Amino acid sequence: MTPHISAKKDEVAKIVLMPGDPLRAKKMAELFLKDYKLVNEVRNMYMYTGTYKGKSITIAGSGMGCPSIGIYSYELFKFYDVDCIIRIGSAGSYNKDINVYDIYNVKEALGENNYAKLAAGIDDKILNSSDNVYNTIKNTADNLNINLFSGRIHSSDVFYRMGDSLEFAKENDLDLVEMESFALFANALVTKKQAGCILTVSDSFITKQVTTPEERQNNFIKMCELALESSVNLFN
């Protein structure tokens, strides 16, 4: 147990899929996991453990932003001996060629905060996903005939941003924006574990198209399947 997770150590799998929304974690467990069990509900941050194609997997909410995923991912890596966390979330598109419901395998995350410095002693503002996880996601998508975009994303601390977001994206070669990957990648580095991130585009800064929370919860199925299939293929 930790201050934020009430699960027993043996109730958490070695691979964790981590959506931001705890209700999305609940939906995924109901749709995909066999014999799943609710193992944490502290602060309503639901975590479920069950099996997918015979492999033990935990699906856990992370909350929003680097501080929130920073707490949960660190505790899972450090105190629950989790080997790998794959974030599965939504993102906004800065790129005219990447549209709503497109799926993205994060290679690099640019952060604008001091999380990596303070939590991991890392000065870099751009952190990579783990090569093994990134490549497994890529190969799994190829086998499933899922079209996958990839590159550098923006882990922003600010949802309502002053200034020109598209100009910032152009200056830093950014395709998408979300709010968590930078902290997850930092924690994986400092604990010597593995991490990846799969995102589905929920809105576009170019076309102004947006999706509702209900649409995001119910229609990100392909991303969830890709994450689950990638989990089965990891560490084989």
C-alpha atoms as a PDB file:
ATOM      1  CA  MET A   1       0.000   0.000   0.000  1.00  0.00           C
ATOM      2  CA  THR A   2       0.956   3.594  -0.588  1.00  0.00           C
ATOM      3  CA  PRO A   3      -0.763   6.866   0.386  1.00  0.00           C
ATOM      4  CA  HIS A   4      -2.561   6.811  -2.962  1.00  0.00           C
ATOM      5  CA  ILE A   5      -2.981   3.110  -3.821  1.00  0.00           C
ATOM      6  CA  SER A   6      -4.700   0.620  -1.522  1.00  0.00           C
ATOM      7  CA  ALA A   7      -4.038  -2.500  -3.621  1.00  0.00           C
ATOM      8  CA  LYS A   8      -1.962  -5.319  -2.226  1.00  0.00           C
ATOM      9  CA  LYS A   9       1.322  -5.792  -4.034  1.00  0.00           C
ATOM     10  CA  ASP A  10       0.251  -9.069  -5.659  1.00  0.00           C
ATOM     11  CA  GLU A  11      -2.954  -7.450  -6.952  1.00  0.00           C
ATOM     12  CA  VAL A  12      -1.082  -5.294  -9.494  1.00  0.00           C
ATOM     13  CA  ALA A  13       0.255  -6.819 -12.720  1.00  0.00           C
ATOM     14  CA  LYS A  14       3.733  -6.263 -14.122  1.00  0.00           C
ATOM     15  CA  ILE A  15       2.227  -4.375 -17.081  1.00  0.00           C
ATOM     16  CA  VAL A  16      -0.112  -1.436 -16.447  1.00  0.00           C
ATOM     17  CA  LEU A  17      -2.215   0.396 -19.015  1.00  0.00           C
ATOM     18  CA  MET A  18      -2.922   3.910 -17.800  1.00  0.00           C
ATOM     19  CA  PRO A  19      -5.718   6.092 -19.183  1.00  0.00           C
ATOM     20  CA  GLY A  20      -6.140   9.490 -17.594  1.00  0.00           C
ATOM     21  CA  ASP A  21      -9.837   9.062 -16.862  1.00  0.00           C
ATOM     22  CA  PRO A  22     -10.627   6.448 -14.182  1.00  0.00           C
ATOM     23  CA  LEU A  23     -14.010   5.868 -15.835  1.00  0.00           C
ATOM     24  CA  ARG A  24     -12.160   4.911 -19.009  1.00  0.00           C
ATOM     25  CA  ALA A  25     -10.190   2.394 -16.945  1.00  0.00           C
ATOM     26  CA  LYS A  26     -13.491   0.959 -15.717  1.00  0.00           C
ATOM     27  CA  LYS A  27     -14.894   0.789 -19.250  1.00  0.00           C
ATOM     28  CA  MET A  28     -11.774  -0.977 -20.541  1.00  0.00           C
ATOM     29  CA  ALA A  29     -11.814  -3.532 -17.750  1.00  0.00           C
ATOM     30  CA  GLU A  30     -15.472  -4.314 -18.420  1.00  0.00           C
ATOM     31  CA  LEU A  31     -14.919  -4.650 -22.172  1.00  0.00           C
ATOM     32  CA  PHE A  32     -11.626  -6.505 -22.347  1.00  0.00           C
ATOM     33  CA  LEU A  33     -10.459  -8.144 -19.126  1.00  0.00           C
ATOM     34  CA  LYS A  34     -11.472 -11.550 -17.835  1.00  0.00           C
ATOM     35  CA  ASP A  35     -11.975 -12.154 -14.127  1.00  0.00           C
ATOM     36  CA  TYR A  36     -11.131  -8.542 -13.402  1.00  0.00           C
ATOM     37  CA  LYS A  37     -11.085  -7.130  -9.898  1.00  0.00           C
ATOM     38  CA  LEU A  38     -11.202  -3.558  -8.610  1.00  0.00           C
ATOM     39  CA  VAL A  39      -7.945  -3.240  -6.652  1.00  0.00           C
ATOM     40  CA  ASN A  40      -7.922   0.484  -5.895  1.00  0.00           C
ATOM     41  CA  GLU A  41     -10.532   3.205  -5.472  1.00  0.00           C
ATOM     42  CA  VAL A  42      -8.680   5.694  -3.281  1.00  0.00           C
ATOM     43  CA  ARG A  43      -9.766   9.182  -4.449  1.00  0.00           C
ATOM     44  CA  ASN A  44     -11.930   7.332  -7.025  1.00  0.00           C
ATOM     45  CA  MET A  45      -8.787   6.590  -9.036  1.00  0.00           C
ATOM     46  CA  TYR A  46      -9.984   3.175 -10.152  1.00  0.00           C
ATOM     47  CA  MET A  47      -7.510   0.401 -10.875  1.00  0.00           C
ATOM     48  CA  TYR A  48      -8.525  -3.026 -12.168  1.00  0.00           C
ATOM     49  CA  THR A  49      -6.511  -6.205 -12.588  1.00  0.00           C
ATOM     50  CA  GLY A  50      -7.580  -9.107 -14.772  1.00  0.00           C
ATOM     51  CA  THR A  51      -6.360 -11.150 -17.715  1.00  0.00           C
ATOM     52  CA  TYR A  52      -6.276 -10.536 -21.443  1.00  0.00           C
ATOM     53  CA  LYS A  53      -5.459 -13.547 -23.607  1.00  0.00           C
ATOM     54  CA  GLY A  54      -4.090 -15.216 -20.518  1.00  0.00           C
ATOM     55  CA  LYS A  55      -1.789 -12.334 -19.544  1.00  0.00           C
ATOM     56  CA  SER A  56      -2.239 -10.475 -16.259  1.00  0.00           C
ATOM     57  CA  ILE A  57      -2.800  -6.768 -16.898  1.00  0.00           C
ATOM     58  CA  THR A  58      -3.738  -3.855 -14.674  1.00  0.00           C
ATOM     59  CA  ILE A  59      -5.689  -0.909 -16.055  1.00  0.00           C
ATOM     60  CA  ALA A  60      -5.296   2.157 -13.858  1.00  0.00           C
ATOM     61  CA  GLY A  61      -6.443   5.754 -14.026  1.00  0.00           C
ATOM     62  CA  SER A  62      -3.723   8.392 -13.769  1.00  0.00           C
ATOM     63  CA  GLY A  63      -5.622  11.646 -13.449  1.00  0.00           C
ATOM     64  CA  MET A  64      -4.638  14.767 -15.375  1.00  0.00           C
ATOM     65  CA  GLY A  65      -1.230  16.368 -15.636  1.00  0.00           C
ATOM     66  CA  CYS A  66       2.353  15.490 -14.803  1.00  0.00           C
ATOM     67  CA  PRO A  67       1.955  15.751 -11.005  1.00  0.00           C
ATOM     68  CA  SER A  68      -0.901  13.239 -10.959  1.00  0.00           C
ATOM     69  CA  ILE A  69       0.557  10.622 -13.300  1.00  0.00           C
ATOM     70  CA  GLY A  70       3.891  11.309 -11.630  1.00  0.00           C
ATOM     71  CA  ILE A  71       2.569  10.094  -8.280  1.00  0.00           C
ATOM     72  CA  TYR A  72       0.786   7.010  -9.557  1.00  0.00           C
ATOM     73  CA  SER A  73       3.427   5.855 -12.025  1.00  0.00           C
ATOM     74  CA  TYR A  74       6.259   6.313  -9.527  1.00  0.00           C
ATOM     75  CA  GLU A  75       4.433   4.346  -6.844  1.00  0.00           C
ATOM     76  CA  LEU A  76       3.604   1.570  -9.297  1.00  0.00           C
ATOM     77  CA  PHE A  77       7.188   1.345 -10.555  1.00  0.00           C
ATOM     78  CA  LYS A  78       8.868   1.726  -7.155  1.00  0.00           C
ATOM     79  CA  PHE A  79       6.587   0.003  -4.657  1.00  0.00           C
ATOM     80  CA  TYR A  80       4.567  -2.432  -6.792  1.00  0.00           C
ATOM     81  CA  ASP A  81       7.448  -3.679  -8.975  1.00  0.00           C
ATOM     82  CA  VAL A  82       5.610  -2.819 -12.196  1.00  0.00           C
ATOM     83  CA  ASP A  83       7.897  -3.391 -15.192  1.00  0.00           C
ATOM     84  CA  CYS A  84       6.082  -1.331 -17.812  1.00  0.00           C
ATOM     85  CA  ILE A  85       3.408   1.362 -17.998  1.00  0.00           C
ATOM     86  CA  ILE A  86       1.749   2.327 -21.270  1.00  0.00           C
ATOM     87  CA  ARG A  87      -0.229   5.539 -21.126  1.00  0.00           C
ATOM     88  CA  ILE A  88      -3.343   5.487 -23.325  1.00  0.00           C
ATOM     89  CA  GLY A  89      -4.892   8.888 -23.693  1.00  0.00           C
ATOM     90  CA  SER A  90      -6.341  11.656 -25.772  1.00  0.00           C
ATOM     91  CA  ALA A  91      -4.515  14.511 -27.438  1.00  0.00           C
ATOM     92  CA  GLY A  92      -5.034  17.621 -29.489  1.00  0.00           C
ATOM     93  CA  SER A  93      -3.498  17.822 -32.946  1.00  0.00           C
ATOM     94  CA  TYR A  94      -1.161  20.590 -34.096  1.00  0.00           C
ATOM     95  CA  ASN A  95      -0.657  18.819 -37.432  1.00  0.00           C
ATOM     96  CA  LYS A  96      -2.967  19.267 -40.426  1.00  0.00           C
ATOM     97  CA  ASP A  97      -2.303  15.660 -41.485  1.00  0.00           C
ATOM     98  CA  ILE A  98      -3.279  14.131 -38.118  1.00  0.00           C
ATOM     99  CA  ASN A  99      -7.010  14.272 -37.473  1.00  0.00           C
ATOM    100  CA  VAL A 100      -9.649  13.236 -34.947  1.00  0.00           C
ATOM    101  CA  TYR A 101      -9.485   9.516 -34.053  1.00  0.00           C
ATOM    102  CA  ASP A 102      -6.045   9.042 -35.618  1.00  0.00           C
ATOM    103  CA  ILE A 103      -3.724   6.982 -33.401  1.00  0.00           C
ATOM    104  CA  TYR A 104      -0.230   8.074 -32.407  1.00  0.00           C
ATOM    105  CA  ASN A 105       2.746   6.192 -30.949  1.00  0.00           C
ATOM    106  CA  VAL A 106       4.792   8.680 -28.921  1.00  0.00           C
ATOM    107  CA  LYS A 107       8.531   8.621 -29.594  1.00  0.00           C
ATOM    108  CA  GLU A 108       9.455  11.807 -27.735  1.00  0.00           C
ATOM    109  CA  ALA A 109       7.707  14.078 -25.230  1.00  0.00           C
ATOM    110  CA  LEU A 110       8.660  17.703 -24.722  1.00  0.00           C
ATOM    111  CA  GLY A 111       7.955  19.055 -21.242  1.00  0.00           C
ATOM    112  CA  GLU A 112       7.825  22.653 -20.086  1.00  0.00           C
ATOM    113  CA  ASN A 113       8.212  21.968 -16.369  1.00  0.00           C
ATOM    114  CA  ASN A 114      10.876  20.925 -13.862  1.00  0.00           C
ATOM    115  CA  TYR A 115       9.353  17.507 -13.182  1.00  0.00           C
ATOM    116  CA  ALA A 116      12.230  15.489 -14.647  1.00  0.00           C
ATOM    117  CA  LYS A 117      14.819  17.652 -12.863  1.00  0.00           C
ATOM    118  CA  LEU A 118      13.124  17.501  -9.467  1.00  0.00           C
ATOM    119  CA  ALA A 119      11.942  13.884  -9.544  1.00  0.00           C
ATOM    120  CA  ALA A 120      14.701  12.214 -11.530  1.00  0.00           C
ATOM    121  CA  GLY A 121      17.674  14.573 -11.702  1.00  0.00           C
ATOM    122  CA  ILE A 122      17.247  14.847 -15.488  1.00  0.00           C
ATOM    123  CA  ASP A 123      17.895  18.209 -17.144  1.00  0.00           C
ATOM    124  CA  ASP A 124      16.534  17.284 -20.569  1.00  0.00           C
ATOM    125  CA  LYS A 125      13.293  18.857 -21.736  1.00  0.00           C
ATOM    126  CA  ILE A 126      12.702  16.117 -24.325  1.00  0.00           C
ATOM    127  CA  LEU A 127      12.403  12.531 -23.078  1.00  0.00           C
ATOM    128  CA  ASN A 128      12.006   9.345 -25.102  1.00  0.00           C
ATOM    129  CA  SER A 129       9.658   6.453 -24.626  1.00  0.00           C
ATOM    130  CA  SER A 130      11.383   3.108 -24.034  1.00  0.00           C
ATOM    131  CA  ASP A 131      12.680   1.630 -27.288  1.00  0.00           C
ATOM    132  CA  ASN A 132      11.291  -1.837 -26.560  1.00  0.00           C
ATOM    133  CA  VAL A 133       7.809  -0.510 -25.848  1.00  0.00           C
ATOM    134  CA  TYR A 134       7.802   1.888 -28.784  1.00  0.00           C
ATOM    135  CA  ASN A 135       8.926  -0.805 -31.223  1.00  0.00           C
ATOM    136  CA  THR A 136       6.489  -3.370 -29.834  1.00  0.00           C
ATOM    137  CA  ILE A 137       3.598  -0.939 -30.314  1.00  0.00           C
ATOM    138  CA  LYS A 138       4.774  -0.179 -33.853  1.00  0.00           C
ATOM    139  CA  ASN A 139       5.126  -3.848 -34.813  1.00  0.00           C
ATOM    140  CA  THR A 140       1.804  -4.758 -33.208  1.00  0.00           C
ATOM    141  CA  ALA A 141       0.043  -1.993 -35.132  1.00  0.00           C
ATOM    142  CA  ASP A 142       1.604  -3.241 -38.368  1.00  0.00           C
ATOM    143  CA  ASN A 143       0.329  -6.765 -37.672  1.00  0.00           C
ATOM    144  CA  LEU A 144      -3.156  -5.433 -36.914  1.00  0.00           C
ATOM    145  CA  ASN A 145      -3.176  -3.163 -39.991  1.00  0.00           C
ATOM    146  CA  ILE A 146      -3.631  -0.108 -37.779  1.00  0.00           C
ATOM    147  CA  ASN A 147      -2.353   3.120 -39.318  1.00  0.00           C
ATOM    148  CA  LEU A 148      -0.064   4.731 -36.784  1.00  0.00           C
ATOM    149  CA  PHE A 149       1.473   8.195 -36.642  1.00  0.00           C
ATOM    150  CA  SER A 150       4.619   8.799 -34.627  1.00  0.00           C
ATOM    151  CA  GLY A 151       7.045  11.482 -33.514  1.00  0.00           C
ATOM    152  CA  ARG A 152       7.313  14.214 -30.875  1.00  0.00           C
ATOM    153  CA  ILE A 153       4.460  15.460 -28.735  1.00  0.00           C
ATOM    154  CA  HIS A 154       3.991  18.307 -26.278  1.00  0.00           C
ATOM    155  CA  SER A 155       3.346  17.483 -22.612  1.00  0.00           C
ATOM    156  CA  SER A 156       1.829  20.781 -21.579  1.00  0.00           C
ATOM    157  CA  ASP A 157       1.105  21.967 -18.052  1.00  0.00           C
ATOM    158  CA  VAL A 158      -1.457  24.438 -19.347  1.00  0.00           C
ATOM    159  CA  PHE A 159      -4.775  23.512 -20.911  1.00  0.00           C
ATOM    160  CA  TYR A 160      -5.899  27.101 -21.463  1.00  0.00           C
ATOM    161  CA  ARG A 161      -2.713  28.536 -22.936  1.00  0.00           C
ATOM    162  CA  MET A 162      -1.927  32.192 -23.651  1.00  0.00           C
ATOM    163  CA  GLY A 163      -0.062  32.826 -26.857  1.00  0.00           C
ATOM    164  CA  ASP A 164       0.050  31.007 -30.170  1.00  0.00           C
ATOM    165  CA  SER A 165       0.023  27.242 -29.623  1.00  0.00           C
ATOM    166  CA  LEU A 166       0.570  26.496 -33.294  1.00  0.00           C
ATOM    167  CA  GLU A 167       3.624  28.741 -33.459  1.00  0.00           C
ATOM    168  CA  PHE A 168       5.065  26.999 -30.392  1.00  0.00           C
ATOM    169  CA  ALA A 169       4.379  23.636 -32.036  1.00  0.00           C
ATOM    170  CA  LYS A 170       6.090  24.696 -35.254  1.00  0.00           C
ATOM    171  CA  GLU A 171       9.165  25.986 -33.394  1.00  0.00           C
ATOM    172  CA  ASN A 172       9.542  22.692 -31.507  1.00  0.00           C
ATOM    173  CA  ASP A 173       8.475  20.200 -34.200  1.00  0.00           C
ATOM    174  CA  LEU A 174       5.432  19.021 -32.233  1.00  0.00           C
ATOM    175  CA  ASP A 175       2.565  16.960 -33.664  1.00  0.00           C
ATOM    176  CA  LEU A 176       0.176  16.666 -30.713  1.00  0.00           C
ATOM    177  CA  VAL A 177      -0.412  18.041 -27.238  1.00  0.00           C
ATOM    178  CA  GLU A 178      -1.342  16.168 -24.050  1.00  0.00           C
ATOM    179  CA  MET A 179      -0.380  16.569 -20.388  1.00  0.00           C
ATOM    180  CA  GLU A 180       1.206  13.440 -18.904  1.00  0.00           C
ATOM    181  CA  SER A 181       3.842  11.598 -20.946  1.00  0.00           C
ATOM    182  CA  PHE A 182       6.845  13.669 -19.864  1.00  0.00           C
ATOM    183  CA  ALA A 183       6.457  12.688 -16.201  1.00  0.00           C
ATOM    184  CA  LEU A 184       5.809   9.038 -17.041  1.00  0.00           C
ATOM    185  CA  PHE A 185       8.969   8.832 -19.149  1.00  0.00           C
ATOM    186  CA  ALA A 186      11.009  10.543 -16.414  1.00  0.00           C
ATOM    187  CA  ASN A 187       9.800   8.066 -13.809  1.00  0.00           C
ATOM    188  CA  ALA A 188      10.608   5.129 -16.062  1.00  0.00           C
ATOM    189  CA  LEU A 189      14.149   6.438 -16.476  1.00  0.00           C
ATOM    190  CA  VAL A 190      14.794   7.056 -12.778  1.00  0.00           C
ATOM    191  CA  THR A 191      13.374   3.667 -11.720  1.00  0.00           C
ATOM    192  CA  LYS A 192      14.995   1.845 -14.659  1.00  0.00           C
ATOM    193  CA  LYS A 193      11.635   0.584 -15.895  1.00  0.00           C
ATOM    194  CA  GLN A 194       9.872   0.883 -19.270  1.00  0.00           C
ATOM    195  CA  ALA A 195       7.169   3.206 -20.526  1.00  0.00           C
ATOM    196  CA  GLY A 196       5.304   4.062 -23.689  1.00  0.00           C
ATOM    197  CA  CYS A 197       2.355   6.136 -24.782  1.00  0.00           C
ATOM    198  CA  ILE A 198      -0.414   5.652 -27.320  1.00  0.00           C
ATOM    199  CA  LEU A 199      -2.697   8.603 -28.026  1.00  0.00           C
ATOM    200  CA  THR A 200      -5.918   9.055 -29.951  1.00  0.00           C
ATOM    201  CA  VAL A 201      -6.617  12.507 -31.340  1.00  0.00           C
ATOM    202  CA  SER A 202      -9.681  14.013 -29.667  1.00  0.00           C
ATOM    203  CA  ASP A 203      -9.570  17.497 -31.188  1.00  0.00           C
ATOM    204  CA  SER A 204      -7.657  19.547 -33.726  1.00  0.00           C
ATOM    205  CA  PHE A 205      -6.154  23.015 -33.485  1.00  0.00           C
ATOM    206  CA  ILE A 206      -6.301  23.110 -37.294  1.00  0.00           C
ATOM    207  CA  THR A 207      -9.833  21.957 -38.151  1.00  0.00           C
ATOM    208  CA  LYS A 208     -11.351  22.901 -34.757  1.00  0.00           C
ATOM    209  CA  GLN A 209     -13.117  19.523 -34.671  1.00  0.00           C
ATOM    210  CA  VAL A 210     -13.712  18.211 -31.137  1.00  0.00           C
ATOM    211  CA  THR A 211     -15.117  15.093 -29.474  1.00  0.00           C
ATOM    212  CA  THR A 212     -17.259  14.842 -26.349  1.00  0.00           C
ATOM    213  CA  PRO A 213     -16.150  13.023 -23.158  1.00  0.00           C
ATOM    214  CA  GLU A 214     -18.701  10.293 -23.921  1.00  0.00           C
ATOM    215  CA  GLU A 215     -17.353   9.879 -27.449  1.00  0.00           C
ATOM    216  CA  ARG A 216     -13.801   9.630 -26.112  1.00  0.00           C
ATOM    217  CA  GLN A 217     -14.805   7.030 -23.539  1.00  0.00           C
ATOM    218  CA  ASN A 218     -16.694   4.871 -26.014  1.00  0.00           C
ATOM    219  CA  ASN A 219     -14.840   5.335 -29.305  1.00  0.00           C
ATOM    220  CA  PHE A 220     -11.176   4.909 -28.409  1.00  0.00           C
ATOM    221  CA  ILE A 221     -11.574   1.148 -28.737  1.00  0.00           C
ATOM    222  CA  LYS A 222      -8.927   0.666 -31.431  1.00  0.00           C
ATOM    223  CA  MET A 223      -6.286   2.351 -29.262  1.00  0.00           C
ATOM    224  CA  CYS A 224      -7.267   0.158 -26.304  1.00  0.00           C
ATOM    225  CA  GLU A 225      -7.006  -2.990 -28.405  1.00  0.00           C
ATOM    226  CA  LEU A 226      -3.590  -1.904 -29.686  1.00  0.00           C
ATOM    227  CA  ALA A 227      -2.380  -1.336 -26.122  1.00  0.00           C
ATOM    228  CA  LEU A 228      -3.672  -4.707 -24.958  1.00  0.00           C
ATOM    229  CA  GLU A 229      -2.203  -6.597 -27.911  1.00  0.00           C
ATOM    230  CA  SER A 230       1.105  -4.781 -27.418  1.00  0.00           C
ATOM    231  CA  SER A 231       1.062  -5.828 -23.763  1.00  0.00           C
ATOM    232  CA  VAL A 232       0.683  -9.450 -24.765  1.00  0.00           C
ATOM    233  CA  ASN A 233       3.683  -9.095 -27.100  1.00  0.00           C
ATOM    234  CA  LEU A 234       5.929  -7.347 -24.558  1.00  0.00           C
ATOM    235  CA  PHE A 235       8.616  -9.351 -22.770  1.00  0.00           C
ATOM    236  CA  ASN A 236       7.872 -12.509 -24.815  1.00  0.00           C
END
